[in-house]
């Protein structure tokens, strides 16, 4: 009987640890954009701190030529104890125009599409042209899977191919750094009244 009670307690404890609602958030730390000047101009990438728990990304650029077939290579790295970034679980390449047109349902592509539709002007199918912007882009913990606490780097390499006869051309790289962390409590402690 005691063994059964211990097993039930251990299962309950495991459930609480795995599936309980914790205050896990994802906060931007840094953002770097490197582009091909033949394809993109007037690039601006920056992070705006809102409070201890939230920072938003702001990105702007002007495309000199339309993007017909956007091939994105996404890789995630996790910072280890020696401050080096090691590969972490995600490394894939896909045609982002297929995700926008709903011909490809790659899980990470769909998450990126939801974020872009919510925070940017990428709301139509390819080709993409003109002024592109992402404003107040934040990582929603409801969209992303639970990641262990730590600092991560998302490396996105964008390439374009106008048609099947032309070579694939490099458009740019985006390196986004974010931190998976618990919510910082911002309430002030009750101060003791001063003695007179």
N, C-alpha and C. Protein backbone atom coordinates (compact mmCIF):
# COMPACT_ATOMS: atom_id res chain seq x y z
N UNK A 1 0.82 -1.19 0.00
CA UNK A 1 0.00 0.00 0.00
C UNK A 1 0.87 1.27 0.00
N UNK A 2 1.95 1.24 0.81
CA UNK A 2 2.84 2.39 0.85
C UNK A 2 3.56 2.57 -0.48
N UNK A 3 3.92 1.46 -1.11
CA UNK A 3 4.60 1.54 -2.41
C UNK A 3 3.69 2.18 -3.44
N UNK A 4 2.41 1.84 -3.44
CA UNK A 4 1.44 2.43 -4.36
C UNK A 4 1.29 3.93 -4.10
N UNK A 5 1.27 4.30 -2.83
CA UNK A 5 1.16 5.72 -2.48
C UNK A 5 2.41 6.48 -2.94
N UNK A 6 3.58 5.88 -2.81
CA UNK A 6 4.80 6.52 -3.27
C UNK A 6 4.81 6.70 -4.78
N UNK A 7 4.35 5.66 -5.48
CA UNK A 7 4.30 5.76 -6.95
C UNK A 7 3.34 6.85 -7.38
N UNK A 8 2.18 6.92 -6.76
CA UNK A 8 1.20 7.95 -7.10
C UNK A 8 1.76 9.33 -6.78
N UNK A 9 2.44 9.48 -5.64
CA UNK A 9 3.03 10.76 -5.29
C UNK A 9 4.11 11.16 -6.29
N UNK A 10 4.96 10.21 -6.69
CA UNK A 10 6.02 10.51 -7.67
C UNK A 10 5.42 10.91 -9.02
N UNK A 11 4.35 10.23 -9.45
CA UNK A 11 3.69 10.60 -10.70
C UNK A 11 3.08 11.99 -10.61
N UNK A 12 2.44 12.29 -9.47
CA UNK A 12 1.86 13.62 -9.28
C UNK A 12 2.95 14.68 -9.31
N UNK A 13 4.08 14.42 -8.63
CA UNK A 13 5.19 15.37 -8.59
C UNK A 13 5.78 15.57 -9.99
N UNK A 14 5.94 14.49 -10.74
CA UNK A 14 6.45 14.58 -12.10
C UNK A 14 5.50 15.42 -12.96
N UNK A 15 4.19 15.20 -12.81
CA UNK A 15 3.20 15.97 -13.57
C UNK A 15 3.30 17.45 -13.22
N UNK A 16 3.44 17.77 -11.93
CA UNK A 16 3.54 19.16 -11.52
C UNK A 16 4.77 19.84 -12.09
N UNK A 17 5.88 19.12 -12.13
CA UNK A 17 7.12 19.70 -12.64
C UNK A 17 7.05 19.88 -14.16
N UNK A 18 6.51 18.89 -14.87
CA UNK A 18 6.50 18.93 -16.33
C UNK A 18 5.41 19.83 -16.89
N UNK A 19 4.22 19.77 -16.34
CA UNK A 19 3.08 20.40 -16.98
C UNK A 19 2.46 21.55 -16.20
N UNK A 20 3.07 21.92 -15.11
CA UNK A 20 2.51 23.03 -14.36
C UNK A 20 2.78 24.33 -15.11
N UNK A 21 1.96 25.29 -14.84
CA UNK A 21 2.06 26.59 -15.50
C UNK A 21 3.13 27.42 -14.79
N UNK A 22 4.28 27.55 -15.42
CA UNK A 22 5.34 28.36 -14.84
C UNK A 22 5.41 29.68 -15.59
N UNK A 23 6.07 30.60 -15.01
CA UNK A 23 6.20 31.92 -15.61
C UNK A 23 7.45 31.98 -16.47
N UNK A 24 7.47 31.19 -17.52
CA UNK A 24 8.61 31.15 -18.44
C UNK A 24 8.37 32.16 -19.56
N UNK A 25 9.37 33.00 -19.82
CA UNK A 25 9.25 33.99 -20.89
C UNK A 25 10.49 33.92 -21.76
N UNK A 26 10.38 34.47 -22.96
CA UNK A 26 11.50 34.58 -23.89
C UNK A 26 11.72 36.06 -24.15
N UNK A 27 12.93 36.51 -23.86
CA UNK A 27 13.25 37.94 -23.97
C UNK A 27 14.41 38.13 -24.94
N UNK A 28 14.25 39.06 -25.90
CA UNK A 28 15.33 39.38 -26.83
C UNK A 28 16.51 39.94 -26.08
N UNK A 29 17.71 39.56 -26.50
CA UNK A 29 18.94 40.07 -25.89
C UNK A 29 19.72 40.90 -26.90
N UNK A 30 19.83 40.43 -28.15
CA UNK A 30 20.60 41.13 -29.17
C UNK A 30 20.06 40.75 -30.54
N UNK A 31 20.35 41.57 -31.52
CA UNK A 31 19.90 41.34 -32.89
C UNK A 31 20.94 41.87 -33.85
N UNK A 32 21.37 41.02 -34.79
CA UNK A 32 22.37 41.42 -35.78
C UNK A 32 21.83 41.11 -37.17
N UNK A 33 21.97 42.06 -38.08
CA UNK A 33 21.54 41.86 -39.47
C UNK A 33 22.71 42.16 -40.40
N UNK A 34 23.04 41.22 -41.26
CA UNK A 34 24.06 41.40 -42.29
C UNK A 34 23.40 41.08 -43.63
N UNK A 35 23.46 42.02 -44.57
CA UNK A 35 22.74 41.84 -45.83
C UNK A 35 23.66 41.98 -47.02
N UNK A 36 23.17 41.50 -48.15
CA UNK A 36 23.85 41.67 -49.43
C UNK A 36 23.45 43.04 -49.97
N UNK A 37 24.38 44.00 -50.10
CA UNK A 37 24.00 45.35 -50.55
C UNK A 37 23.46 45.40 -51.97
N UNK A 38 23.68 44.35 -52.77
CA UNK A 38 23.10 44.32 -54.12
C UNK A 38 21.60 44.05 -54.08
N UNK A 39 21.12 43.44 -53.00
CA UNK A 39 19.71 43.05 -52.90
C UNK A 39 18.90 43.88 -51.91
N UNK A 40 19.57 44.37 -50.84
CA UNK A 40 18.85 45.03 -49.74
C UNK A 40 19.57 46.32 -49.36
N UNK A 41 18.79 47.36 -49.01
CA UNK A 41 19.38 48.62 -48.57
C UNK A 41 18.57 49.18 -47.40
N UNK A 42 19.10 50.23 -46.77
CA UNK A 42 18.45 50.92 -45.64
C UNK A 42 18.04 49.94 -44.54
N UNK A 43 18.98 49.15 -44.06
CA UNK A 43 18.70 48.12 -43.07
C UNK A 43 18.82 48.70 -41.67
N UNK A 44 17.84 48.39 -40.84
CA UNK A 44 17.86 48.79 -39.44
C UNK A 44 17.37 47.61 -38.60
N UNK A 45 18.21 47.16 -37.67
CA UNK A 45 17.85 46.08 -36.75
C UNK A 45 18.21 46.52 -35.34
N UNK A 46 17.24 46.52 -34.45
CA UNK A 46 17.55 46.92 -33.09
C UNK A 46 16.56 46.29 -32.11
N UNK A 47 16.95 46.31 -30.85
CA UNK A 47 16.12 45.80 -29.76
C UNK A 47 15.71 46.99 -28.91
N UNK A 48 14.45 47.02 -28.52
CA UNK A 48 13.94 48.07 -27.65
C UNK A 48 13.48 47.42 -26.35
N UNK A 49 14.10 47.80 -25.24
CA UNK A 49 13.73 47.25 -23.94
C UNK A 49 12.45 47.92 -23.44
N UNK A 50 11.49 47.11 -23.04
CA UNK A 50 10.23 47.62 -22.50
C UNK A 50 10.29 47.63 -20.98
N UNK A 51 10.63 46.50 -20.39
CA UNK A 51 10.83 46.39 -18.95
C UNK A 51 11.76 45.22 -18.69
N UNK A 52 11.86 44.79 -17.44
CA UNK A 52 12.77 43.70 -17.10
C UNK A 52 12.38 42.40 -17.79
N UNK A 53 11.13 42.24 -18.12
CA UNK A 53 10.63 40.98 -18.65
C UNK A 53 10.36 41.00 -20.15
N UNK A 54 10.47 42.13 -20.79
CA UNK A 54 10.09 42.20 -22.20
C UNK A 54 10.99 43.15 -22.97
N UNK A 55 11.38 42.69 -24.14
CA UNK A 55 12.09 43.52 -25.11
C UNK A 55 11.50 43.17 -26.48
N UNK A 56 11.44 44.15 -27.37
CA UNK A 56 10.86 43.92 -28.68
C UNK A 56 11.91 44.20 -29.76
N UNK A 57 11.79 43.51 -30.87
CA UNK A 57 12.69 43.69 -32.00
C UNK A 57 12.03 44.59 -33.03
N UNK A 58 12.82 45.47 -33.61
CA UNK A 58 12.35 46.37 -34.66
C UNK A 58 13.30 46.23 -35.84
N UNK A 59 12.77 45.82 -37.00
CA UNK A 59 13.59 45.60 -38.19
C UNK A 59 12.93 46.30 -39.38
N UNK A 60 13.75 46.99 -40.18
CA UNK A 60 13.30 47.65 -41.40
C UNK A 60 14.32 47.40 -42.50
N UNK A 61 13.83 47.29 -43.73
CA UNK A 61 14.74 47.23 -44.88
C UNK A 61 13.95 47.53 -46.15
N UNK A 62 14.68 47.91 -47.19
CA UNK A 62 14.10 48.12 -48.51
C UNK A 62 14.72 47.11 -49.46
N UNK A 63 13.87 46.38 -50.17
CA UNK A 63 14.36 45.39 -51.13
C UNK A 63 14.57 46.06 -52.47
N UNK A 64 15.77 45.91 -53.04
CA UNK A 64 16.06 46.47 -54.36
C UNK A 64 15.43 45.62 -55.45
N UNK A 65 15.39 44.30 -55.24
CA UNK A 65 14.78 43.38 -56.19
C UNK A 65 13.76 42.52 -55.45
N UNK A 66 12.69 42.12 -56.09
CA UNK A 66 11.71 41.26 -55.42
C UNK A 66 12.30 39.90 -55.06
N UNK A 67 11.77 39.31 -53.99
CA UNK A 67 12.16 37.96 -53.59
C UNK A 67 11.11 36.98 -54.11
N UNK A 68 11.52 36.08 -55.02
CA UNK A 68 10.58 35.17 -55.67
C UNK A 68 10.50 33.82 -54.97
N UNK A 69 11.63 33.27 -54.58
CA UNK A 69 11.66 31.96 -53.92
C UNK A 69 12.61 32.10 -52.73
N UNK A 70 12.04 32.39 -51.55
CA UNK A 70 12.84 32.64 -50.36
C UNK A 70 13.21 31.30 -49.73
N UNK A 71 14.49 31.01 -49.72
CA UNK A 71 14.98 29.79 -49.08
C UNK A 71 15.64 30.22 -47.78
N UNK A 72 15.12 29.73 -46.67
CA UNK A 72 15.69 30.12 -45.38
C UNK A 72 16.30 28.90 -44.70
N UNK A 73 17.50 29.10 -44.19
CA UNK A 73 18.19 28.07 -43.42
C UNK A 73 18.21 28.54 -41.98
N UNK A 74 17.55 27.80 -41.09
CA UNK A 74 17.41 28.20 -39.69
C UNK A 74 18.17 27.22 -38.82
N UNK A 75 18.99 27.76 -37.93
CA UNK A 75 19.74 26.93 -37.00
C UNK A 75 19.70 27.60 -35.63
N UNK A 76 19.52 26.79 -34.59
CA UNK A 76 19.46 27.31 -33.22
C UNK A 76 20.68 26.80 -32.45
N UNK A 77 21.26 27.71 -31.66
CA UNK A 77 22.41 27.39 -30.82
C UNK A 77 22.07 27.75 -29.38
N UNK A 78 22.66 27.02 -28.43
CA UNK A 78 22.49 27.32 -27.01
C UNK A 78 23.85 27.64 -26.42
N UNK A 79 23.90 28.70 -25.61
CA UNK A 79 25.17 29.08 -24.98
C UNK A 79 25.47 28.14 -23.82
N UNK A 80 26.68 27.60 -23.80
CA UNK A 80 27.05 26.66 -22.75
C UNK A 80 27.82 27.37 -21.64
N UNK A 81 28.35 26.60 -20.71
CA UNK A 81 29.02 27.16 -19.54
C UNK A 81 30.28 27.95 -19.88
N UNK A 82 30.88 27.71 -21.05
CA UNK A 82 32.10 28.44 -21.44
C UNK A 82 31.79 29.60 -22.39
N UNK A 83 30.53 30.02 -22.45
CA UNK A 83 30.07 31.13 -23.29
C UNK A 83 30.27 30.89 -24.79
N UNK A 84 30.28 29.63 -25.19
CA UNK A 84 30.32 29.29 -26.61
C UNK A 84 28.95 28.76 -27.00
N UNK A 85 28.57 29.04 -28.23
CA UNK A 85 27.27 28.59 -28.72
C UNK A 85 27.41 27.22 -29.38
N UNK A 86 26.65 26.25 -28.86
CA UNK A 86 26.66 24.89 -29.38
C UNK A 86 25.34 24.63 -30.09
N UNK A 87 25.32 23.83 -31.18
CA UNK A 87 24.06 23.52 -31.87
C UNK A 87 23.03 22.93 -30.92
N UNK A 88 21.76 23.34 -31.10
CA UNK A 88 20.69 22.92 -30.20
C UNK A 88 19.45 22.53 -31.00
N UNK A 89 19.23 21.27 -31.22
CA UNK A 89 18.02 20.64 -31.73
C UNK A 89 17.54 21.05 -33.13
N UNK A 90 17.55 22.32 -33.48
CA UNK A 90 16.88 22.76 -34.70
C UNK A 90 17.91 23.17 -35.75
N UNK A 91 17.82 22.54 -36.93
CA UNK A 91 18.67 22.87 -38.06
C UNK A 91 17.93 22.41 -39.32
N UNK A 92 17.32 23.32 -40.04
CA UNK A 92 16.56 22.93 -41.22
C UNK A 92 16.59 24.03 -42.27
N UNK A 93 16.26 23.66 -43.48
CA UNK A 93 16.18 24.59 -44.61
C UNK A 93 14.85 24.34 -45.31
N UNK A 94 14.15 25.40 -45.66
CA UNK A 94 12.88 25.24 -46.36
C UNK A 94 12.58 26.46 -47.23
N UNK A 95 11.62 26.27 -48.13
CA UNK A 95 11.16 27.33 -49.00
C UNK A 95 10.06 28.09 -48.26
N UNK A 96 10.36 29.33 -47.84
CA UNK A 96 9.41 30.08 -47.04
C UNK A 96 8.19 30.52 -47.85
N UNK A 97 8.33 30.66 -49.14
CA UNK A 97 7.18 31.02 -49.98
C UNK A 97 6.12 29.91 -49.96
N UNK A 98 6.56 28.66 -49.86
CA UNK A 98 5.61 27.56 -49.74
C UNK A 98 4.85 27.61 -48.41
N UNK A 99 5.53 28.04 -47.35
CA UNK A 99 4.86 28.17 -46.05
C UNK A 99 3.84 29.31 -46.11
N UNK A 100 4.20 30.43 -46.73
CA UNK A 100 3.27 31.55 -46.85
C UNK A 100 2.04 31.16 -47.67
N UNK A 101 2.26 30.40 -48.76
CA UNK A 101 1.16 29.98 -49.63
C UNK A 101 0.43 28.74 -49.09
N UNK A 102 0.84 28.24 -47.92
CA UNK A 102 0.24 27.08 -47.26
C UNK A 102 0.36 25.81 -48.10
N UNK A 103 1.50 25.67 -48.79
CA UNK A 103 1.81 24.43 -49.51
C UNK A 103 2.76 23.55 -48.70
N UNK A 104 3.35 24.12 -47.64
CA UNK A 104 4.29 23.40 -46.78
C UNK A 104 3.92 23.73 -45.34
N UNK A 105 3.78 22.70 -44.52
CA UNK A 105 3.36 22.92 -43.14
C UNK A 105 4.45 22.51 -42.16
N UNK A 106 5.68 22.98 -42.42
CA UNK A 106 6.78 22.77 -41.50
C UNK A 106 6.44 23.46 -40.18
N UNK A 107 6.61 22.78 -39.06
CA UNK A 107 6.19 23.30 -37.77
C UNK A 107 6.85 24.64 -37.46
N UNK A 108 8.15 24.72 -37.64
CA UNK A 108 8.86 25.96 -37.33
C UNK A 108 8.54 27.05 -38.34
N UNK A 109 8.28 26.68 -39.58
CA UNK A 109 7.87 27.66 -40.57
C UNK A 109 6.51 28.25 -40.25
N UNK A 110 5.59 27.43 -39.74
CA UNK A 110 4.27 27.92 -39.37
C UNK A 110 4.37 28.87 -38.17
N UNK A 111 5.23 28.53 -37.19
CA UNK A 111 5.44 29.43 -36.04
C UNK A 111 5.99 30.78 -36.52
N UNK A 112 6.98 30.73 -37.41
CA UNK A 112 7.55 31.98 -37.95
C UNK A 112 6.50 32.76 -38.72
N UNK A 113 5.66 32.08 -39.49
CA UNK A 113 4.61 32.76 -40.25
C UNK A 113 3.61 33.44 -39.32
N UNK A 114 3.23 32.79 -38.24
CA UNK A 114 2.31 33.40 -37.27
C UNK A 114 2.92 34.66 -36.66
N UNK A 115 4.21 34.59 -36.31
CA UNK A 115 4.88 35.77 -35.76
C UNK A 115 4.96 36.88 -36.79
N UNK A 116 5.29 36.55 -38.04
CA UNK A 116 5.42 37.58 -39.08
C UNK A 116 4.08 38.20 -39.43
N UNK A 117 3.03 37.40 -39.50
CA UNK A 117 1.71 37.98 -39.81
C UNK A 117 1.24 38.91 -38.71
N UNK A 118 1.62 38.60 -37.47
CA UNK A 118 1.18 39.40 -36.34
C UNK A 118 1.97 40.70 -36.20
N UNK A 119 3.29 40.66 -36.50
CA UNK A 119 4.15 41.80 -36.20
C UNK A 119 4.79 42.45 -37.41
N UNK A 120 4.50 42.01 -38.64
CA UNK A 120 5.18 42.59 -39.80
C UNK A 120 4.19 42.85 -40.94
N UNK A 121 4.74 43.35 -42.04
CA UNK A 121 3.90 43.59 -43.22
C UNK A 121 4.03 42.44 -44.23
N UNK A 122 4.52 41.28 -43.81
CA UNK A 122 4.57 40.10 -44.68
C UNK A 122 3.21 39.40 -44.53
N UNK A 123 2.24 39.83 -45.30
CA UNK A 123 0.89 39.27 -45.19
C UNK A 123 0.33 38.86 -46.55
N UNK A 124 1.20 38.64 -47.52
CA UNK A 124 0.75 38.21 -48.84
C UNK A 124 1.75 37.20 -49.39
N UNK A 125 1.37 36.55 -50.45
CA UNK A 125 2.24 35.52 -51.02
C UNK A 125 3.40 36.14 -51.80
N UNK A 126 4.33 35.29 -52.18
CA UNK A 126 5.51 35.75 -52.93
C UNK A 126 5.10 36.20 -54.33
N UNK A 127 5.79 37.11 -54.95
CA UNK A 127 7.06 37.73 -54.57
C UNK A 127 6.88 38.84 -53.54
N UNK A 128 7.88 38.99 -52.67
CA UNK A 128 7.91 40.07 -51.70
C UNK A 128 8.77 41.18 -52.27
N UNK A 129 8.29 42.42 -52.16
CA UNK A 129 9.04 43.54 -52.72
C UNK A 129 8.77 44.80 -51.92
N UNK A 130 9.62 45.81 -52.13
CA UNK A 130 9.43 47.11 -51.50
C UNK A 130 9.96 47.16 -50.08
N UNK A 131 9.27 47.93 -49.26
CA UNK A 131 9.69 48.14 -47.87
C UNK A 131 9.17 47.00 -47.00
N UNK A 132 10.07 46.34 -46.27
CA UNK A 132 9.71 45.26 -45.36
C UNK A 132 10.01 45.73 -43.95
N UNK A 133 9.09 45.43 -43.02
CA UNK A 133 9.32 45.83 -41.64
C UNK A 133 8.70 44.84 -40.68
N UNK A 134 9.32 44.73 -39.52
CA UNK A 134 8.77 43.99 -38.38
C UNK A 134 8.85 44.95 -37.21
N UNK A 135 7.72 45.21 -36.60
CA UNK A 135 7.66 46.22 -35.55
C UNK A 135 7.10 45.59 -34.28
N UNK A 136 7.76 45.83 -33.15
CA UNK A 136 7.36 45.29 -31.84
C UNK A 136 7.28 43.77 -31.84
N UNK A 137 8.23 43.13 -32.51
CA UNK A 137 8.27 41.67 -32.58
C UNK A 137 8.73 41.10 -31.25
N UNK A 138 7.88 40.32 -30.62
CA UNK A 138 8.24 39.67 -29.36
C UNK A 138 7.93 38.19 -29.48
N UNK A 139 8.64 37.40 -28.70
CA UNK A 139 8.45 35.94 -28.73
C UNK A 139 7.36 35.57 -27.74
N UNK A 140 6.30 34.97 -28.25
CA UNK A 140 5.18 34.58 -27.42
C UNK A 140 5.42 33.18 -26.85
N UNK A 141 5.42 33.02 -25.52
CA UNK A 141 5.65 31.68 -24.95
C UNK A 141 4.56 30.68 -25.31
N UNK A 142 3.39 31.16 -25.74
CA UNK A 142 2.31 30.24 -26.12
C UNK A 142 2.58 29.60 -27.48
N UNK A 143 3.33 30.28 -28.34
CA UNK A 143 3.63 29.74 -29.67
C UNK A 143 4.82 28.80 -29.67
N UNK A 144 5.80 29.08 -28.82
CA UNK A 144 7.04 28.32 -28.83
C UNK A 144 6.97 27.16 -27.84
N UNK A 145 7.67 26.08 -28.13
CA UNK A 145 7.75 25.00 -27.13
C UNK A 145 8.57 25.46 -25.94
N UNK A 146 8.43 24.74 -24.82
CA UNK A 146 9.20 25.08 -23.61
C UNK A 146 10.66 24.71 -23.82
N UNK A 147 11.53 25.70 -23.71
CA UNK A 147 12.96 25.47 -23.84
C UNK A 147 13.59 25.61 -22.46
N UNK A 148 14.67 24.89 -22.20
CA UNK A 148 15.36 25.04 -20.91
C UNK A 148 15.86 26.47 -20.73
N UNK A 149 16.02 26.86 -19.47
CA UNK A 149 16.52 28.21 -19.18
C UNK A 149 17.91 28.38 -19.77
N UNK A 150 18.18 29.54 -20.33
CA UNK A 150 19.48 29.82 -20.91
C UNK A 150 19.40 30.85 -22.01
N UNK A 151 20.54 31.09 -22.66
CA UNK A 151 20.62 32.06 -23.75
C UNK A 151 20.77 31.29 -25.06
N UNK A 152 20.00 31.69 -26.07
CA UNK A 152 19.96 31.00 -27.36
C UNK A 152 20.27 31.98 -28.49
N UNK A 153 20.75 31.41 -29.58
CA UNK A 153 21.01 32.19 -30.79
C UNK A 153 20.25 31.51 -31.94
N UNK A 154 19.43 32.29 -32.64
CA UNK A 154 18.75 31.80 -33.83
C UNK A 154 19.45 32.42 -35.03
N UNK A 155 20.04 31.58 -35.86
CA UNK A 155 20.75 32.04 -37.04
C UNK A 155 19.87 31.75 -38.26
N UNK A 156 19.48 32.80 -38.98
CA UNK A 156 18.62 32.66 -40.16
C UNK A 156 19.39 33.19 -41.36
N UNK A 157 19.63 32.32 -42.33
CA UNK A 157 20.30 32.71 -43.58
C UNK A 157 19.25 32.70 -44.68
N UNK A 158 19.05 33.85 -45.32
CA UNK A 158 18.05 33.99 -46.37
C UNK A 158 18.72 34.00 -47.75
N UNK A 159 18.15 33.19 -48.65
CA UNK A 159 18.63 33.12 -50.03
C UNK A 159 17.43 33.25 -50.96
N UNK A 160 17.70 33.59 -52.20
CA UNK A 160 16.62 33.78 -53.16
C UNK A 160 17.03 33.19 -54.50
N UNK A 161 16.04 32.66 -55.22
CA UNK A 161 16.26 32.15 -56.57
C UNK A 161 15.09 32.64 -57.42
N UNK A 162 15.42 33.45 -58.44
CA UNK A 162 14.36 34.04 -59.26
C UNK A 162 13.61 32.99 -60.07
N UNK A 163 14.33 32.08 -60.68
CA UNK A 163 13.70 30.96 -61.38
C UNK A 163 14.68 29.79 -61.38
N UNK A 164 14.26 28.67 -61.93
CA UNK A 164 15.06 27.44 -61.86
C UNK A 164 16.35 27.53 -62.67
N UNK A 165 16.44 28.45 -63.61
CA UNK A 165 17.64 28.55 -64.45
C UNK A 165 18.74 29.37 -63.79
N UNK A 166 18.41 30.21 -62.81
CA UNK A 166 19.39 31.08 -62.19
C UNK A 166 19.95 30.47 -60.91
N UNK A 167 21.12 30.93 -60.53
CA UNK A 167 21.77 30.44 -59.31
C UNK A 167 21.08 31.03 -58.08
N UNK A 168 21.23 30.33 -56.96
CA UNK A 168 20.69 30.82 -55.69
C UNK A 168 21.60 31.94 -55.19
N UNK A 169 20.99 33.08 -54.85
CA UNK A 169 21.75 34.26 -54.45
C UNK A 169 21.51 34.56 -52.97
N UNK A 170 22.58 34.88 -52.25
CA UNK A 170 22.51 35.22 -50.83
C UNK A 170 21.84 36.58 -50.66
N UNK A 171 20.86 36.66 -49.75
CA UNK A 171 20.17 37.91 -49.48
C UNK A 171 20.64 38.53 -48.17
N UNK A 172 20.74 37.71 -47.12
CA UNK A 172 21.17 38.26 -45.84
C UNK A 172 21.15 37.24 -44.73
N UNK A 173 21.74 37.64 -43.59
CA UNK A 173 21.78 36.83 -42.39
C UNK A 173 21.16 37.61 -41.24
N UNK A 174 20.39 36.92 -40.42
CA UNK A 174 19.84 37.51 -39.20
C UNK A 174 20.26 36.61 -38.04
N UNK A 175 20.95 37.19 -37.08
CA UNK A 175 21.32 36.48 -35.86
C UNK A 175 20.56 37.12 -34.71
N UNK A 176 19.62 36.37 -34.14
CA UNK A 176 18.80 36.88 -33.04
C UNK A 176 19.15 36.11 -31.78
N UNK A 177 19.43 36.83 -30.72
CA UNK A 177 19.78 36.23 -29.44
C UNK A 177 18.63 36.48 -28.48
N UNK A 178 18.19 35.43 -27.80
CA UNK A 178 17.14 35.60 -26.80
C UNK A 178 17.44 34.74 -25.59
N UNK A 179 16.78 35.10 -24.49
CA UNK A 179 16.99 34.40 -23.23
C UNK A 179 15.68 33.76 -22.79
N UNK A 180 15.75 32.50 -22.44
CA UNK A 180 14.63 31.80 -21.83
C UNK A 180 14.80 31.94 -20.33
N UNK A 181 13.85 32.60 -19.69
CA UNK A 181 14.03 32.92 -18.27
C UNK A 181 12.68 32.94 -17.56
N UNK A 182 12.74 32.94 -16.24
CA UNK A 182 11.53 33.09 -15.45
C UNK A 182 11.24 34.57 -15.29
N UNK A 183 9.97 34.89 -15.05
CA UNK A 183 9.55 36.27 -14.93
C UNK A 183 10.23 36.92 -13.73
N UNK A 184 10.74 38.13 -13.93
CA UNK A 184 11.34 38.90 -12.84
C UNK A 184 10.21 39.60 -12.11
N UNK A 185 10.12 39.35 -10.82
CA UNK A 185 9.06 39.96 -10.02
C UNK A 185 9.39 41.43 -9.80
N UNK A 186 8.49 42.31 -10.22
CA UNK A 186 8.77 43.74 -10.15
C UNK A 186 8.03 44.43 -9.01
N UNK A 187 7.40 43.67 -8.12
CA UNK A 187 6.71 44.31 -7.01
C UNK A 187 7.72 44.71 -5.95
N UNK A 188 7.49 45.83 -5.38
CA UNK A 188 8.39 46.32 -4.33
C UNK A 188 7.98 45.70 -3.00
N UNK A 189 8.98 45.42 -2.21
CA UNK A 189 8.70 44.91 -0.88
C UNK A 189 8.17 46.03 -0.01
N UNK A 190 7.34 45.63 0.93
CA UNK A 190 6.82 46.64 1.87
C UNK A 190 7.96 47.18 2.71
N UNK A 191 8.12 48.45 2.68
CA UNK A 191 9.18 49.07 3.44
C UNK A 191 8.70 49.30 4.88
N UNK A 192 9.58 49.03 5.81
CA UNK A 192 9.24 49.24 7.22
C UNK A 192 9.22 50.74 7.49
N UNK A 193 8.28 51.16 8.31
CA UNK A 193 8.25 52.60 8.63
C UNK A 193 9.49 52.99 9.41
N UNK A 194 9.95 54.20 9.14
CA UNK A 194 11.15 54.70 9.81
C UNK A 194 10.80 55.06 11.25
N UNK A 195 11.74 54.73 12.12
CA UNK A 195 11.56 55.08 13.52
C UNK A 195 11.98 56.52 13.75
N UNK A 196 11.23 57.20 14.56
CA UNK A 196 11.58 58.59 14.86
C UNK A 196 12.15 58.75 16.24
